Amino acid sequence: MVMTMGKKKEKHFKKLEKLKEVMLDMVDREFTGHVKINFSQGGIGRIEKFEEILREDDHLLK
C-alpha cells in the first residue's frame, strides 16, 4: 500500500511539472484566455484551455 501511494504522488508531481512547463510556454507565446483545472481526489483530473480567437490587437481587426 505504501508503494502505491508513493507512485500515485509521483504521478501527481509529474503532472504538475508538465502543467508548469505548458503554462510557461503559454506566457512566452502571450496567451490570451483562461485555463480550467479540475482536481479529483487531490490530483489533477482534467485541464482545459480556452483561447481568445480575435483580440483587439489582432491584425485581422485592423
Protein backbone atom coordinates (compact mmCIF):
# COMPACT_ATOMS: atom_id res chain seq x y z
CA MET A 1 0.00 0.00 0.00
CA VAL A 2 2.82 2.43 0.81
CA MET A 3 4.44 1.88 -2.62
CA THR A 4 1.13 2.56 -4.37
CA MET A 5 0.73 5.88 -2.56
CA GLY A 6 4.30 6.83 -3.46
CA LYS A 7 3.77 6.08 -7.14
CA LYS A 8 0.47 7.95 -7.11
CA LYS A 9 2.11 11.02 -5.58
CA GLU A 10 4.98 10.79 -8.07
CA LYS A 11 2.45 10.76 -10.93
CA HIS A 12 0.74 13.86 -9.49
CA PHE A 13 4.06 15.70 -9.26
CA LYS A 14 4.90 14.80 -12.87
CA LYS A 15 1.55 16.22 -13.99
CA LEU A 16 2.18 19.41 -12.00
CA GLU A 17 5.63 19.78 -13.55
CA LYS A 18 4.18 19.30 -17.05
CA LEU A 19 1.45 21.86 -16.28
CA LYS A 20 4.12 24.33 -15.18
CA GLU A 21 6.04 23.81 -18.44
CA VAL A 22 2.89 24.31 -20.53
CA MET A 23 1.93 27.46 -18.63
CA LEU A 24 5.41 28.95 -19.03
CA ASP A 25 5.17 28.27 -22.78
CA MET A 26 1.76 29.98 -22.86
CA VAL A 27 3.29 33.05 -21.19
CA ASP A 28 6.09 33.10 -23.77
CA ARG A 29 3.50 32.95 -26.58
CA GLU A 30 1.47 35.74 -24.91
CA PHE A 31 -1.56 33.50 -24.40
CA THR A 32 -4.89 35.30 -24.03
CA GLY A 33 -7.66 33.27 -22.47
CA HIS A 34 -8.19 31.15 -19.40
CA VAL A 35 -7.24 27.73 -18.08
CA LYS A 36 -9.60 25.49 -16.11
CA ILE A 37 -8.04 22.84 -13.87
CA ASN A 38 -10.26 20.16 -12.35
CA PHE A 39 -8.96 18.19 -9.41
CA SER A 40 -10.08 14.69 -8.50
CA GLN A 41 -9.19 13.24 -5.09
CA GLY A 42 -6.28 15.63 -4.64
CA GLY A 43 -4.78 15.14 -8.10
CA ILE A 44 -5.19 16.84 -11.44
CA GLY A 45 -8.11 15.26 -13.24
CA ARG A 46 -8.55 17.41 -16.32
CA ILE A 47 -7.13 20.61 -17.78
CA GLU A 48 -8.94 22.76 -20.34
CA LYS A 49 -7.55 25.77 -22.22
CA PHE A 50 -9.86 28.41 -23.68
CA GLU A 51 -8.15 30.83 -26.02
CA GLU A 52 -9.48 34.04 -27.48
CA ILE A 53 -9.68 33.82 -31.27
CA LEU A 54 -9.80 37.53 -32.09
CA ARG A 55 -8.21 40.24 -29.96
CA GLU A 56 -8.24 43.99 -30.43
CA ASP A 57 -4.55 43.93 -31.33
CA ASP A 58 -5.12 41.11 -33.84
CA HIS A 59 -4.11 42.00 -37.41
CA LEU A 60 -7.47 40.71 -38.69
CA LEU A 61 -9.30 43.54 -36.99
CA LYS A 62 -7.15 46.29 -38.50
